[in-house]
Amino acid sequence: MMGQTTERKLTTILCADMKGYSKMMEQDEERTLQSLKEARALFQEEIEISGGRIINMPGDAIIADFPSVVKALDCSVTIQNRLNDDKVDELSPQFRIGLNLGDVIIEGSDIFGDGVNIAARLEGLAPVGGVCISGTVYDHIKAKRPLEFEYMGAQHVKNIQEDVDAYALNLAGDKEFKKAAPSKKKQKTRHYHQQAEIEGEDEEAQLRRQVKREAGFYRRLLPMGGVILLLFLINIFTSPGYLWFIWPAMPMSVVIALDAMRVFGRRHSDDWEEKRFQELKQKKGPQ
């Protein structure tokens, strides 16, 4: 329809999936189904307490969204801790949870878009009984919750063009959990930016040192210049025919000149060398 606009929102998406559901159904259908119902009830309870809402529960999966990133994480941690504490055997329900903060399309009570897809891919990377979050979520919670996330690197996930930074929280203490390898392309980019930051810091520190040297020079110049001016005035008013102030002023002038060369000489020398290099390079032209 003409003029119809797509409704969108920024939200925190939770995607959860039950570990080994098909295998558990083969072993004990009734108990597995009952475990799934109990787990769904737990998710529903904690999500509502945290201000979120269930979007869908397809099969053994759960999709929800939250207006608050912090509450979404708190809810995920609470759910996983309760499930981990209640585990008694291999048929006890265990989940992986993925969290992502992203822009989604709203269609009725459902949501769609890359924000949802990324949360689903992160769920697949999460440790069993733990949580995997995107870089967008981590940026919002890193200073608000004292949780130890393991950086998994920049992950190339299915149907998503850009790599996604992933962080894992292993609440169940699964020693077999292995983090996925980070994208080599992203590693190189991250190293480049880190190096650029270091070089930028070095350049800024050098500029600060130069400014301090120049400020020190001017602080030393003022009293010496004042003394020379005072001697000159005394000389003019007492014996204008003989300029004796030159003799005490000369060593002070030499000190000022040497100090100025030390402070300003190297900077101008470096600038001249660079300018001269560029001139010769332009004259020579390309090889």
Protein backbone atom coordinates (compact mmCIF):
# COMPACT_ATOMS: atom_id res chain seq x y z
CA MET A 1 0.00 0.00 0.00
CA MET A 2 1.26 3.47 -0.89
CA GLY A 3 2.53 5.50 2.03
CA GLN A 4 2.84 2.49 4.35
CA THR A 5 5.95 2.67 6.53
CA THR A 6 7.84 -0.18 8.14
CA GLU A 7 7.77 -0.10 11.93
CA ARG A 8 11.16 -0.70 13.53
CA LYS A 9 12.76 -0.55 16.96
CA LEU A 10 16.08 -1.04 18.72
CA THR A 11 15.82 -3.93 21.14
CA THR A 12 17.78 -6.67 22.89
CA ILE A 13 17.00 -10.06 21.39
CA LEU A 14 17.34 -13.32 23.30
CA CYS A 15 17.55 -16.63 21.43
CA ALA A 16 17.74 -19.87 23.40
CA ASP A 17 17.87 -23.49 22.34
CA MET A 18 17.75 -26.76 24.30
CA LYS A 19 20.85 -28.94 24.08
CA GLY A 20 20.41 -32.43 22.62
CA TYR A 21 16.62 -32.19 22.41
CA SER A 22 16.21 -34.78 19.63
CA LYS A 23 18.50 -37.30 21.34
CA MET A 24 16.69 -36.80 24.66
CA MET A 25 13.34 -37.39 22.94
CA GLU A 26 14.65 -40.71 21.64
CA GLN A 27 15.66 -41.76 25.15
CA ASP A 28 12.58 -40.59 27.06
CA GLU A 29 9.85 -38.66 25.24
CA GLU A 30 7.58 -38.01 28.21
CA ARG A 31 10.28 -36.79 30.56
CA THR A 32 11.91 -34.66 27.85
CA LEU A 33 8.59 -33.04 26.96
CA GLN A 34 7.89 -32.36 30.61
CA SER A 35 11.38 -30.89 31.06
CA LEU A 36 10.82 -28.62 28.06
CA LYS A 37 7.49 -27.39 29.47
CA GLU A 38 9.10 -26.64 32.84
CA ALA A 39 11.98 -24.82 31.16
CA ARG A 40 9.56 -22.76 29.08
CA ALA A 41 7.66 -21.81 32.23
CA LEU A 42 10.95 -20.73 33.84
CA PHE A 43 11.89 -18.62 30.82
CA GLN A 44 8.40 -17.07 30.74
CA GLU A 45 8.53 -16.21 34.45
CA GLU A 46 12.00 -14.63 34.44
CA ILE A 47 11.51 -12.80 31.16
CA GLU A 48 8.30 -11.16 32.40
CA ILE A 49 9.96 -10.22 35.71
CA SER A 50 12.77 -8.54 33.74
CA GLY A 51 10.35 -6.52 31.61
CA GLY A 52 10.82 -8.60 28.45
CA ARG A 53 8.34 -10.52 26.37
CA ILE A 54 8.26 -13.89 24.68
CA ILE A 55 8.15 -13.53 20.88
CA ASN A 56 7.94 -17.17 19.92
CA MET A 57 8.68 -20.70 21.15
CA PRO A 58 9.27 -22.79 18.01
CA GLY A 59 10.09 -26.39 18.90
CA ASP A 60 12.69 -26.41 21.66
CA ALA A 61 13.77 -22.81 20.95
CA ILE A 62 12.75 -19.60 22.67
CA ILE A 63 12.88 -16.06 21.23
CA ALA A 64 12.28 -12.98 23.38
CA ASP A 65 13.13 -9.30 23.43
CA PHE A 66 13.87 -6.73 26.15
CA PRO A 67 13.86 -2.92 26.28
CA SER A 68 16.91 -3.06 28.61
CA VAL A 69 20.26 -4.65 27.71
CA VAL A 70 21.27 -5.03 31.36
CA LYS A 71 17.98 -6.67 32.35
CA ALA A 72 18.22 -9.04 29.39
CA LEU A 73 21.65 -10.19 30.59
CA ASP A 74 20.51 -10.45 34.22
CA CYS A 75 17.54 -12.52 33.12
CA SER A 76 19.74 -14.85 31.03
CA VAL A 77 22.18 -15.37 33.90
CA THR A 78 19.38 -16.08 36.39
CA ILE A 79 17.76 -18.63 34.07
CA GLN A 80 21.03 -20.44 33.39
CA ASN A 81 22.00 -20.50 37.06
CA ARG A 82 18.62 -22.00 38.00
CA LEU A 83 18.82 -24.62 35.25
CA ASN A 84 22.42 -25.50 36.13
CA ASP A 85 21.55 -25.83 39.83
CA ASP A 86 18.61 -28.12 39.02
CA LYS A 87 20.60 -30.45 36.78
CA VAL A 88 20.56 -34.02 38.10
CA ASP A 89 21.42 -36.14 35.04
CA GLU A 90 21.84 -36.08 31.25
CA LEU A 91 18.09 -35.74 30.72
CA SER A 92 17.92 -32.50 32.68
CA PRO A 93 17.22 -29.59 30.32
CA GLN A 94 20.21 -27.43 29.42
CA PHE A 95 20.16 -24.39 27.15
CA ARG A 96 22.43 -22.15 25.18
CA ILE A 97 21.50 -18.45 25.12
CA GLY A 98 22.52 -15.78 22.62
CA LEU A 99 21.97 -12.04 23.17
CA ASN A 100 22.21 -9.25 20.64
CA LEU A 101 21.27 -5.57 20.61
CA GLY A 102 20.01 -4.62 17.18
CA ASP A 103 17.44 -2.87 15.03
CA VAL A 104 14.49 -5.08 14.08
CA ILE A 105 11.34 -4.91 11.97
CA ILE A 106 8.06 -5.27 13.83
CA GLU A 107 5.27 -7.33 12.24
CA GLY A 108 2.37 -7.69 14.65
CA SER A 109 3.77 -9.40 17.74
CA ASP A 110 6.77 -10.81 15.84
CA ILE A 111 10.17 -9.29 15.02
CA PHE A 112 12.48 -9.86 12.05
CA GLY A 113 15.85 -8.76 10.71
CA ASP A 114 19.59 -9.16 11.13
CA GLY A 115 19.30 -8.33 14.83
CA VAL A 116 17.34 -11.56 15.35
CA ASN A 117 19.56 -13.60 13.03
CA ILE A 118 22.72 -12.53 14.88
CA ALA A 119 21.20 -13.49 18.24
CA ALA A 120 20.37 -16.93 16.83
CA ARG A 121 23.93 -17.42 15.53
CA LEU A 122 25.39 -16.34 18.89
CA GLU A 123 23.19 -18.89 20.62
CA GLY A 124 24.93 -21.58 18.57
CA LEU A 125 28.33 -20.30 19.77
CA ALA A 126 27.35 -20.17 23.44
CA PRO A 127 28.63 -22.73 25.94
CA VAL A 128 26.00 -25.15 27.24
CA GLY A 129 24.47 -23.59 30.34
CA GLY A 130 26.01 -20.24 29.43
CA VAL A 131 25.48 -17.09 27.40
CA CYS A 132 27.09 -15.64 24.29
CA ILE A 133 26.66 -11.92 23.64
CA SER A 134 27.49 -9.62 20.75
CA GLY A 135 29.91 -6.71 20.92
CA THR A 136 26.97 -4.27 21.00
CA VAL A 137 25.65 -5.93 24.16
CA TYR A 138 29.12 -6.12 25.72
CA ASP A 139 29.70 -2.39 25.20
CA HIS A 140 26.59 -1.66 27.28
CA ILE A 141 27.15 -4.10 30.17
CA LYS A 142 30.94 -4.29 30.60
CA ALA A 143 31.02 -1.52 33.18
CA LYS A 144 27.73 -2.47 34.83
CA ARG A 145 28.13 -6.15 35.70
CA PRO A 146 31.22 -7.86 37.23
CA LEU A 147 31.03 -10.91 34.95
CA GLU A 148 34.02 -12.55 33.29
CA PHE A 149 33.30 -12.84 29.59
CA GLU A 150 35.77 -14.59 27.31
CA TYR A 151 36.37 -12.80 24.03
CA MET A 152 35.80 -15.27 21.20
CA GLY A 153 37.02 -13.01 18.43
CA ALA A 154 35.17 -11.61 15.44
CA GLN A 155 32.91 -14.37 14.14
CA HIS A 156 31.79 -14.81 10.55
CA VAL A 157 28.21 -16.01 10.96
CA LYS A 158 25.85 -17.35 8.34
CA ASN A 159 23.91 -14.82 6.23
CA ILE A 160 25.52 -11.82 7.98
CA GLN A 161 27.90 -9.74 5.87
CA GLU A 162 29.95 -8.15 8.65
CA ASP A 163 31.85 -10.16 11.26
CA VAL A 164 30.34 -10.10 14.75
CA ASP A 165 32.38 -9.69 17.92
CA ALA A 166 31.34 -12.42 20.36
CA TYR A 167 31.84 -12.82 24.12
CA ALA A 168 31.06 -16.01 26.06
CA LEU A 169 29.99 -16.42 29.69
CA ASN A 170 30.52 -20.03 30.78
CA LEU A 171 28.22 -20.33 33.81
CA ALA A 172 28.13 -24.13 33.86
CA GLY A 173 31.93 -24.52 34.08
CA ASP A 174 31.99 -26.84 31.06
CA LYS A 175 35.69 -27.63 30.61
CA GLU A 176 35.07 -29.00 27.11
CA PHE A 177 33.87 -25.65 25.84
CA LYS A 178 36.11 -24.39 23.03
CA LYS A 179 35.83 -20.88 21.74
CA ALA A 180 35.47 -20.41 18.00
CA ALA A 181 38.46 -19.05 16.09
CA PRO A 182 38.38 -15.29 15.45
CA SER A 183 38.25 -14.01 11.90
CA LYS A 184 41.77 -13.38 10.56
CA LYS A 185 40.53 -10.34 8.67
CA LYS A 186 39.09 -8.85 11.84
CA GLN A 187 42.26 -9.70 13.79
CA LYS A 188 44.36 -7.74 11.29
CA THR A 189 41.95 -4.81 11.40
CA ARG A 190 41.95 -4.82 15.21
CA HIS A 191 45.78 -4.93 15.25
CA TYR A 192 45.95 -2.03 12.79
CA HIS A 193 43.65 0.13 14.91
CA GLN A 194 45.54 -0.76 18.09
CA GLN A 195 48.83 0.19 16.41
CA ALA A 196 47.30 3.42 15.14
CA GLU A 197 46.14 4.23 18.66
CA ILE A 198 49.65 3.60 20.04
CA GLU A 199 51.23 5.77 17.33
CA GLY A 200 48.63 8.46 18.01
CA GLU A 201 49.42 8.36 21.71
CA ASP A 202 53.17 8.61 20.97
CA GLU A 203 52.64 11.61 18.68
CA GLU A 204 50.46 13.34 21.26
CA ALA A 205 53.05 12.71 24.00
CA GLN A 206 55.79 14.19 21.79
CA LEU A 207 53.69 17.29 21.13
CA ARG A 208 53.01 17.71 24.84
CA ARG A 209 56.74 17.49 25.61
CA GLN A 210 57.48 20.09 22.92
CA VAL A 211 54.86 22.46 24.35
CA LYS A 212 56.35 22.03 27.83
CA ARG A 213 59.85 22.80 26.51
CA GLU A 214 58.60 25.95 24.77
CA ALA A 215 56.68 27.06 27.87
CA GLY A 216 59.82 26.55 29.97
CA PHE A 217 61.85 28.61 27.52
CA TYR A 218 59.41 31.54 27.74
CA ARG A 219 59.41 31.34 31.54
CA ARG A 220 63.22 31.59 31.55
CA LEU A 221 63.23 34.30 28.87
CA LEU A 222 61.01 36.74 30.77
CA PRO A 223 63.22 37.27 33.85
CA MET A 224 66.44 37.42 31.79
CA GLY A 225 64.88 39.82 29.31
CA GLY A 226 63.61 41.89 32.21
CA VAL A 227 67.09 42.11 33.73
CA ILE A 228 68.62 43.16 30.40
CA LEU A 229 65.92 45.81 29.92
CA LEU A 230 66.46 47.11 33.45
CA LEU A 231 70.23 47.37 32.90
CA PHE A 232 69.63 49.19 29.62
CA LEU A 233 67.35 51.76 31.28
CA ILE A 234 69.81 52.35 34.15
CA ASN A 235 72.60 52.75 31.57
CA ILE A 236 70.62 55.32 29.53
CA PHE A 237 69.63 57.45 32.51
CA THR A 238 73.01 57.39 34.32
CA SER A 239 75.66 57.35 31.58
CA PRO A 240 74.15 57.51 28.08
CA GLY A 241 77.54 58.15 26.52
CA TYR A 242 78.89 54.71 27.50
CA LEU A 243 76.83 51.58 26.88
CA TRP A 244 78.26 49.44 29.69
CA PHE A 245 75.05 47.31 29.99
CA ILE A 246 76.25 45.31 26.97
CA TRP A 247 78.88 43.46 29.04
CA PRO A 248 76.57 41.91 31.66
CA ALA A 249 73.84 41.44 29.03
CA MET A 250 76.09 39.51 26.63
CA PRO A 251 76.41 36.24 28.62
CA MET A 252 72.68 36.29 29.36
CA SER A 253 71.96 36.78 25.65
CA VAL A 254 74.21 33.80 24.80
CA VAL A 255 72.33 31.64 27.32
CA ILE A 256 69.00 32.70 25.80
CA ALA A 257 70.24 31.97 22.26
CA LEU A 258 71.52 28.49 23.18
CA ASP A 259 68.29 27.73 25.02
CA ALA A 260 66.25 28.81 21.98
CA MET A 261 68.33 26.60 19.67
CA ARG A 262 67.81 23.63 21.98
CA VAL A 263 64.05 24.14 22.18
CA PHE A 264 63.21 25.25 18.62
CA GLY A 265 66.18 24.18 16.53
CA ARG A 266 65.41 20.45 16.26
CA ARG A 267 61.76 21.00 15.42
CA HIS A 268 62.55 23.39 12.57
CA SER A 269 65.37 21.12 11.41
CA ASP A 270 62.98 18.16 11.17
CA ASP A 271 60.43 20.27 9.30
CA TRP A 272 63.11 21.47 6.85
CA GLU A 273 64.33 17.90 6.23
CA GLU A 274 60.82 16.67 5.54
CA LYS A 275 60.03 19.57 3.21
CA ARG A 276 63.33 19.11 1.36
CA PHE A 277 62.67 15.38 0.99
CA GLN A 278 59.24 16.04 -0.49
CA GLU A 279 60.70 18.62 -2.92
CA LEU A 280 63.35 16.20 -4.18
CA LYS A 281 60.79 13.42 -4.45
CA GLN A 282 58.51 15.58 -6.59
CA LYS A 283 61.40 16.66 -8.85
CA LYS A 284 62.51 13.07 -9.39
CA GLY A 285 59.00 11.91 -10.17
CA PRO A 286 57.79 8.29 -10.33
CA GLN A 287 60.27 5.50 -11.14
